[in-house]
Amino acid sequence: MDPITVELRGEFIELNQLLKLAGLCDSGGQGKQLVAEGRVKVDGQVELRKTCKIREGQEVLFEGRTVRVVAG
């Protein structure tokens, strides 16, 4: 599958909100749960911080889908 590209509107976006914005979950709360369960990777490493700040150039992986973060 093609990567999902998300444009930043500021300096960063919190991981749980990125998952929601990319359409990989229905809410920020669900995004927090997915992160807490260890199901999300940031730049190839499992990330357990629900509100980890994701910046331009980083990649998030969830269930085989890649989200690329680019400057807005």
PDB file of N, CA and C in Angstrom:
ATOM      1  N   MET A   1       0.827  -1.190   0.000  1.00  0.00           N
ATOM      2  CA  MET A   1       0.000   0.000   0.000  1.00  0.00           C
ATOM      3  C   MET A   1       0.871   1.253   0.000  1.00  0.00           C
ATOM      4  N   ASP A   2       0.356   2.287  -0.613  1.00  0.00           N
ATOM      5  CA  ASP A   2       1.076   3.556  -0.632  1.00  0.00           C
ATOM      6  C   ASP A   2       1.075   4.188   0.755  1.00  0.00           C
ATOM      7  N   PRO A   3       2.144   4.923   1.070  1.00  0.00           N
ATOM      8  CA  PRO A   3       2.190   5.615   2.363  1.00  0.00           C
ATOM      9  C   PRO A   3       1.128   6.722   2.424  1.00  0.00           C
ATOM     10  N   ILE A   4       0.707   7.012   3.630  1.00  0.00           N
ATOM     11  CA  ILE A   4      -0.197   8.129   3.880  1.00  0.00           C
ATOM     12  C   ILE A   4       0.680   9.330   4.195  1.00  0.00           C
ATOM     13  N   THR A   5       0.459  10.447   3.530  1.00  0.00           N
ATOM     14  CA  THR A   5       1.234  11.648   3.789  1.00  0.00           C
ATOM     15  C   THR A   5       0.383  12.625   4.588  1.00  0.00           C
ATOM     16  N   VAL A   6       0.965  13.120   5.684  1.00  0.00           N
ATOM     17  CA  VAL A   6       0.272  14.098   6.526  1.00  0.00           C
ATOM     18  C   VAL A   6       1.126  15.352   6.588  1.00  0.00           C
ATOM     19  N   GLU A   7       0.511  16.487   6.284  1.00  0.00           N
ATOM     20  CA  GLU A   7       1.214  17.770   6.346  1.00  0.00           C
ATOM     21  C   GLU A   7       1.046  18.382   7.724  1.00  0.00           C
ATOM     22  N   LEU A   8       2.160  18.808   8.288  1.00  0.00           N
ATOM     23  CA  LEU A   8       2.130  19.478   9.594  1.00  0.00           C
ATOM     24  C   LEU A   8       1.589  20.890   9.453  1.00  0.00           C
ATOM     25  N   ARG A   9       0.853  21.326  10.446  1.00  0.00           N
ATOM     26  CA  ARG A   9       0.370  22.712  10.483  1.00  0.00           C
ATOM     27  C   ARG A   9       1.161  23.533  11.485  1.00  0.00           C
ATOM     28  N   GLY A  10       2.007  22.867  12.234  1.00  0.00           N
ATOM     29  CA  GLY A  10       2.858  23.532  13.225  1.00  0.00           C
ATOM     30  C   GLY A  10       4.195  22.828  13.255  1.00  0.00           C
ATOM     31  N   GLU A  11       4.863  22.914  14.390  1.00  0.00           N
ATOM     32  CA  GLU A  11       6.186  22.304  14.543  1.00  0.00           C
ATOM     33  C   GLU A  11       6.104  20.787  14.699  1.00  0.00           C
ATOM     34  N   PHE A  12       5.002  20.303  15.318  1.00  0.00           N
ATOM     35  CA  PHE A  12       4.857  18.872  15.577  1.00  0.00           C
ATOM     36  C   PHE A  12       3.375  18.532  15.713  1.00  0.00           C
ATOM     37  N   ILE A  13       3.095  17.213  15.753  1.00  0.00           N
ATOM     38  CA  ILE A  13       1.761  16.704  16.048  1.00  0.00           C
ATOM     39  C   ILE A  13       1.944  15.547  17.019  1.00  0.00           C
ATOM     40  N   GLU A  14       1.041  15.418  17.977  1.00  0.00           N
ATOM     41  CA  GLU A  14       1.126  14.315  18.925  1.00  0.00           C
ATOM     42  C   GLU A  14       0.764  13.014  18.209  1.00  0.00           C
ATOM     43  N   LEU A  15       1.433  11.941  18.593  1.00  0.00           N
ATOM     44  CA  LEU A  15       1.291  10.656  17.919  1.00  0.00           C
ATOM     45  C   LEU A  15      -0.162  10.191  17.862  1.00  0.00           C
ATOM     46  N   ASN A  16      -0.881  10.256  18.970  1.00  0.00           N
ATOM     47  CA  ASN A  16      -2.259   9.781  18.973  1.00  0.00           C
ATOM     48  C   ASN A  16      -3.134  10.602  18.019  1.00  0.00           C
ATOM     49  N   GLN A  17      -2.871  11.893  17.902  1.00  0.00           N
ATOM     50  CA  GLN A  17      -3.629  12.744  16.988  1.00  0.00           C
ATOM     51  C   GLN A  17      -3.254  12.471  15.528  1.00  0.00           C
ATOM     52  N   LEU A  18      -1.995  12.134  15.298  1.00  0.00           N
ATOM     53  CA  LEU A  18      -1.555  11.782  13.943  1.00  0.00           C
ATOM     54  C   LEU A  18      -2.283  10.542  13.448  1.00  0.00           C
ATOM     55  N   LEU A  19      -2.416   9.545  14.307  1.00  0.00           N
ATOM     56  CA  LEU A  19      -3.122   8.324  13.926  1.00  0.00           C
ATOM     57  C   LEU A  19      -4.562   8.641  13.538  1.00  0.00           C
ATOM     58  N   LYS A  20      -5.190   9.520  14.289  1.00  0.00           N
ATOM     59  CA  LYS A  20      -6.566   9.930  13.989  1.00  0.00           C
ATOM     60  C   LYS A  20      -6.620  10.695  12.663  1.00  0.00           C
ATOM     61  N   LEU A  21      -5.734  11.668  12.489  1.00  0.00           N
ATOM     62  CA  LEU A  21      -5.714  12.492  11.288  1.00  0.00           C
ATOM     63  C   LEU A  21      -5.457  11.651  10.032  1.00  0.00           C
ATOM     64  N   ALA A  22      -4.630  10.631  10.168  1.00  0.00           N
ATOM     65  CA  ALA A  22      -4.301   9.762   9.035  1.00  0.00           C
ATOM     66  C   ALA A  22      -5.416   8.753   8.737  1.00  0.00           C
ATOM     67  N   GLY A  23      -6.439   8.720   9.579  1.00  0.00           N
ATOM     68  CA  GLY A  23      -7.548   7.810   9.366  1.00  0.00           C
ATOM     69  C   GLY A  23      -7.292   6.388   9.821  1.00  0.00           C
ATOM     70  N   LEU A  24      -6.294   6.199  10.679  1.00  0.00           N
ATOM     71  CA  LEU A  24      -5.956   4.860  11.147  1.00  0.00           C
ATOM     72  C   LEU A  24      -6.702   4.468  12.414  1.00  0.00           C
ATOM     73  N   CYS A  25      -7.390   5.427  13.023  1.00  0.00           N
ATOM     74  CA  CYS A  25      -8.245   5.158  14.169  1.00  0.00           C
ATOM     75  C   CYS A  25      -9.344   6.220  14.198  1.00  0.00           C
ATOM     76  N   ASP A  26     -10.354   5.986  15.026  1.00  0.00           N
ATOM     77  CA  ASP A  26     -11.521   6.866  15.037  1.00  0.00           C
ATOM     78  C   ASP A  26     -11.397   8.075  15.958  1.00  0.00           C
ATOM     79  N   SER A  27     -10.515   7.991  16.957  1.00  0.00           N
ATOM     80  CA  SER A  27     -10.412   9.097  17.909  1.00  0.00           C
ATOM     81  C   SER A  27      -9.011   9.154  18.504  1.00  0.00           C
ATOM     82  N   GLY A  28      -8.708  10.290  19.134  1.00  0.00           N
ATOM     83  CA  GLY A  28      -7.425  10.422  19.814  1.00  0.00           C
ATOM     84  C   GLY A  28      -7.301   9.425  20.953  1.00  0.00           C
ATOM     85  N   GLY A  29      -8.423   9.145  21.622  1.00  0.00           N
ATOM     86  CA  GLY A  29      -8.424   8.169  22.710  1.00  0.00           C
ATOM     87  C   GLY A  29      -8.091   6.770  22.221  1.00  0.00           C
ATOM     88  N   GLN A  30      -8.638   6.417  21.081  1.00  0.00           N
ATOM     89  CA  GLN A  30      -8.323   5.112  20.505  1.00  0.00           C
ATOM     90  C   GLN A  30      -6.855   5.080  20.087  1.00  0.00           C
ATOM     91  N   GLY A  31      -6.356   6.202  19.570  1.00  0.00           N
ATOM     92  CA  GLY A  31      -4.946   6.293  19.207  1.00  0.00           C
ATOM     93  C   GLY A  31      -4.043   6.072  20.411  1.00  0.00           C
ATOM     94  N   LYS A  32      -4.420   6.656  21.543  1.00  0.00           N
ATOM     95  CA  LYS A  32      -3.644   6.469  22.784  1.00  0.00           C
ATOM     96  C   LYS A  32      -3.602   5.004  23.176  1.00  0.00           C
ATOM     97  N   GLN A  33      -4.731   4.327  23.037  1.00  0.00           N
ATOM     98  CA  GLN A  33      -4.800   2.914  23.397  1.00  0.00           C
ATOM     99  C   GLN A  33      -3.897   2.076  22.488  1.00  0.00           C
ATOM    100  N   LEU A  34      -3.918   2.357  21.192  1.00  0.00           N
ATOM    101  CA  LEU A  34      -3.076   1.614  20.250  1.00  0.00           C
ATOM    102  C   LEU A  34      -1.597   1.791  20.576  1.00  0.00           C
ATOM    103  N   VAL A  35      -1.216   3.018  20.927  1.00  0.00           N
ATOM    104  CA  VAL A  35       0.176   3.290  21.287  1.00  0.00           C
ATOM    105  C   VAL A  35       0.538   2.552  22.576  1.00  0.00           C
ATOM    106  N   ALA A  36      -0.343   2.636  23.577  1.00  0.00           N
ATOM    107  CA  ALA A  36      -0.088   1.989  24.869  1.00  0.00           C
ATOM    108  C   ALA A  36       0.073   0.478  24.720  1.00  0.00           C
ATOM    109  N   GLU A  37      -0.606  -0.104  23.744  1.00  0.00           N
ATOM    110  CA  GLU A  37      -0.512  -1.550  23.499  1.00  0.00           C
ATOM    111  C   GLU A  37       0.746  -1.935  22.736  1.00  0.00           C
ATOM    112  N   GLY A  38       1.564  -0.952  22.356  1.00  0.00           N
ATOM    113  CA  GLY A  38       2.815  -1.241  21.661  1.00  0.00           C
ATOM    114  C   GLY A  38       2.627  -1.594  20.196  1.00  0.00           C
ATOM    115  N   ARG A  39       1.531  -1.128  19.590  1.00  0.00           N
ATOM    116  CA  ARG A  39       1.209  -1.491  18.206  1.00  0.00           C
ATOM    117  C   ARG A  39       1.692  -0.467  17.181  1.00  0.00           C
ATOM    118  N   VAL A  40       2.347   0.594  17.649  1.00  0.00           N
ATOM    119  CA  VAL A  40       2.765   1.683  16.758  1.00  0.00           C
ATOM    120  C   VAL A  40       4.281   1.847  16.829  1.00  0.00           C
ATOM    121  N   LYS A  41       4.896   2.005  15.658  1.00  0.00           N
ATOM    122  CA  LYS A  41       6.343   2.260  15.592  1.00  0.00           C
ATOM    123  C   LYS A  41       6.585   3.649  15.012  1.00  0.00           C
ATOM    124  N   VAL A  42       7.600   4.309  15.547  1.00  0.00           N
ATOM    125  CA  VAL A  42       8.053   5.602  15.021  1.00  0.00           C
ATOM    126  C   VAL A  42       9.500   5.423  14.608  1.00  0.00           C
ATOM    127  N   ASP A  43       9.772   5.684  13.346  1.00  0.00           N
ATOM    128  CA  ASP A  43      11.121   5.515  12.796  1.00  0.00           C
ATOM    129  C   ASP A  43      11.699   4.140  13.122  1.00  0.00           C
ATOM    130  N   GLY A  44      10.844   3.105  13.012  1.00  0.00           N
ATOM    131  CA  GLY A  44      11.294   1.730  13.171  1.00  0.00           C
ATOM    132  C   GLY A  44      11.331   1.196  14.592  1.00  0.00           C
ATOM    133  N   GLN A  45      11.016   2.027  15.590  1.00  0.00           N
ATOM    134  CA  GLN A  45      11.065   1.614  16.993  1.00  0.00           C
ATOM    135  C   GLN A  45       9.671   1.695  17.613  1.00  0.00           C
ATOM    136  N   VAL A  46       9.328   0.702  18.430  1.00  0.00           N
ATOM    137  CA  VAL A  46       8.044   0.746  19.127  1.00  0.00           C
ATOM    138  C   VAL A  46       8.026   1.982  20.013  1.00  0.00           C
ATOM    139  N   GLU A  47       6.933   2.741  19.920  1.00  0.00           N
ATOM    140  CA  GLU A  47       6.779   3.969  20.705  1.00  0.00           C
ATOM    141  C   GLU A  47       5.629   3.784  21.677  1.00  0.00           C
ATOM    142  N   LEU A  48       5.889   3.985  22.964  1.00  0.00           N
ATOM    143  CA  LEU A  48       4.871   3.806  23.993  1.00  0.00           C
ATOM    144  C   LEU A  48       4.373   5.123  24.578  1.00  0.00           C
ATOM    145  N   ARG A  49       4.976   6.234  24.169  1.00  0.00           N
ATOM    146  CA  ARG A  49       4.513   7.551  24.654  1.00  0.00           C
ATOM    147  C   ARG A  49       3.358   8.005  23.777  1.00  0.00           C
ATOM    148  N   LYS A  50       2.166   8.054  24.352  1.00  0.00           N
ATOM    149  CA  LYS A  50       0.953   8.345  23.588  1.00  0.00           C
ATOM    150  C   LYS A  50       0.974   9.720  22.923  1.00  0.00           C
ATOM    151  N   THR A  51       1.583  10.683  23.586  1.00  0.00           N
ATOM    152  CA  THR A  51       1.610  12.046  23.048  1.00  0.00           C
ATOM    153  C   THR A  51       3.002  12.432  22.560  1.00  0.00           C
ATOM    154  N   CYS A  52       3.754  11.431  22.142  1.00  0.00           N
ATOM    155  CA  CYS A  52       5.086  11.668  21.563  1.00  0.00           C
ATOM    156  C   CYS A  52       4.956  12.698  20.438  1.00  0.00           C
ATOM    157  N   LYS A  53       5.861  13.648  20.387  1.00  0.00           N
ATOM    158  CA  LYS A  53       5.822  14.700  19.368  1.00  0.00           C
ATOM    159  C   LYS A  53       6.444  14.186  18.075  1.00  0.00           C
ATOM    160  N   ILE A  54       5.639  14.154  17.029  1.00  0.00           N
ATOM    161  CA  ILE A  54       6.095  13.700  15.723  1.00  0.00           C
ATOM    162  C   ILE A  54       6.370  14.923  14.866  1.00  0.00           C
ATOM    163  N   ARG A  55       7.561  14.968  14.296  1.00  0.00           N
ATOM    164  CA  ARG A  55       7.994  16.128  13.518  1.00  0.00           C
ATOM    165  C   ARG A  55       8.217  15.754  12.049  1.00  0.00           C
ATOM    166  N   GLU A  56       8.413  16.773  11.235  1.00  0.00           N
ATOM    167  CA  GLU A  56       8.673  16.592   9.804  1.00  0.00           C
ATOM    168  C   GLU A  56       9.787  15.570   9.585  1.00  0.00           C
ATOM    169  N   GLY A  57       9.570  14.692   8.611  1.00  0.00           N
ATOM    170  CA  GLY A  57      10.588  13.716   8.244  1.00  0.00           C
ATOM    171  C   GLY A  57      10.456  12.384   8.961  1.00  0.00           C
ATOM    172  N   GLN A  58       9.629  12.305   9.993  1.00  0.00           N
ATOM    173  CA  GLN A  58       9.480  11.048  10.713  1.00  0.00           C
ATOM    174  C   GLN A  58       8.447  10.161  10.028  1.00  0.00           C
ATOM    175  N   GLU A  59       8.582   8.858  10.266  1.00  0.00           N
ATOM    176  CA  GLU A  59       7.634   7.888   9.722  1.00  0.00           C
ATOM    177  C   GLU A  59       7.014   7.085  10.859  1.00  0.00           C
ATOM    178  N   VAL A  60       5.718   6.880  10.741  1.00  0.00           N
ATOM    179  CA  VAL A  60       4.974   6.105  11.727  1.00  0.00           C
ATOM    180  C   VAL A  60       4.416   4.877  11.020  1.00  0.00           C
ATOM    181  N   LEU A  61       4.533   3.725  11.661  1.00  0.00           N
ATOM    182  CA  LEU A  61       4.057   2.475  11.096  1.00  0.00           C
ATOM    183  C   LEU A  61       3.012   1.872  12.026  1.00  0.00           C
ATOM    184  N   PHE A  62       1.860   1.531  11.457  1.00  0.00           N
ATOM    185  CA  PHE A  62       0.787   0.888  12.227  1.00  0.00           C
ATOM    186  C   PHE A  62       0.086  -0.118  11.334  1.00  0.00           C
ATOM    187  N   GLU A  63       0.105  -1.380  11.743  1.00  0.00           N
ATOM    188  CA  GLU A  63      -0.556  -2.471  11.027  1.00  0.00           C
ATOM    189  C   GLU A  63      -0.292  -2.452   9.524  1.00  0.00           C
ATOM    190  N   GLY A  64       0.974  -2.311   9.167  1.00  0.00           N
ATOM    191  CA  GLY A  64       1.375  -2.371   7.774  1.00  0.00           C
ATOM    192  C   GLY A  64       1.189  -1.080   6.999  1.00  0.00           C
ATOM    193  N   ARG A  65       0.644  -0.052   7.613  1.00  0.00           N
ATOM    194  CA  ARG A  65       0.468   1.248   6.956  1.00  0.00           C
ATOM    195  C   ARG A  65       1.546   2.199   7.437  1.00  0.00           C
ATOM    196  N   THR A  66       2.131   2.928   6.514  1.00  0.00           N
ATOM    197  CA  THR A  66       3.162   3.904   6.834  1.00  0.00           C
ATOM    198  C   THR A  66       2.575   5.316   6.691  1.00  0.00           C
ATOM    199  N   VAL A  67       2.862   6.146   7.683  1.00  0.00           N
ATOM    200  CA  VAL A  67       2.463   7.540   7.639  1.00  0.00           C
ATOM    201  C   VAL A  67       3.736   8.365   7.588  1.00  0.00           C
ATOM    202  N   ARG A  68       3.846   9.206   6.551  1.00  0.00           N
ATOM    203  CA  ARG A  68       4.999  10.097   6.411  1.00  0.00           C
ATOM    204  C   ARG A  68       4.560  11.508   6.767  1.00  0.00           C
ATOM    205  N   VAL A  69       5.370  12.170   7.570  1.00  0.00           N
ATOM    206  CA  VAL A  69       5.043  13.524   8.018  1.00  0.00           C
ATOM    207  C   VAL A  69       5.907  14.515   7.255  1.00  0.00           C
ATOM    208  N   VAL A  70       5.235  15.464   6.585  1.00  0.00           N
ATOM    209  CA  VAL A  70       5.936  16.463   5.786  1.00  0.00           C
ATOM    210  C   VAL A  70       5.540  17.859   6.259  1.00  0.00           C
ATOM    211  N   ALA A  71       6.354  18.852   5.914  1.00  0.00           N
ATOM    212  CA  ALA A  71       6.058  20.234   6.282  1.00  0.00           C
ATOM    213  C   ALA A  71       4.816  20.694   5.517  1.00  0.00           C
ATOM    214  N   GLY A  72       3.998  21.498   6.197  1.00  0.00           N
ATOM    215  CA  GLY A  72       2.758  21.985   5.587  1.00  0.00           C
ATOM    216  C   GLY A  72       2.933  23.247   4.790  1.00  0.00           C
TER     217      GLY A  72
END
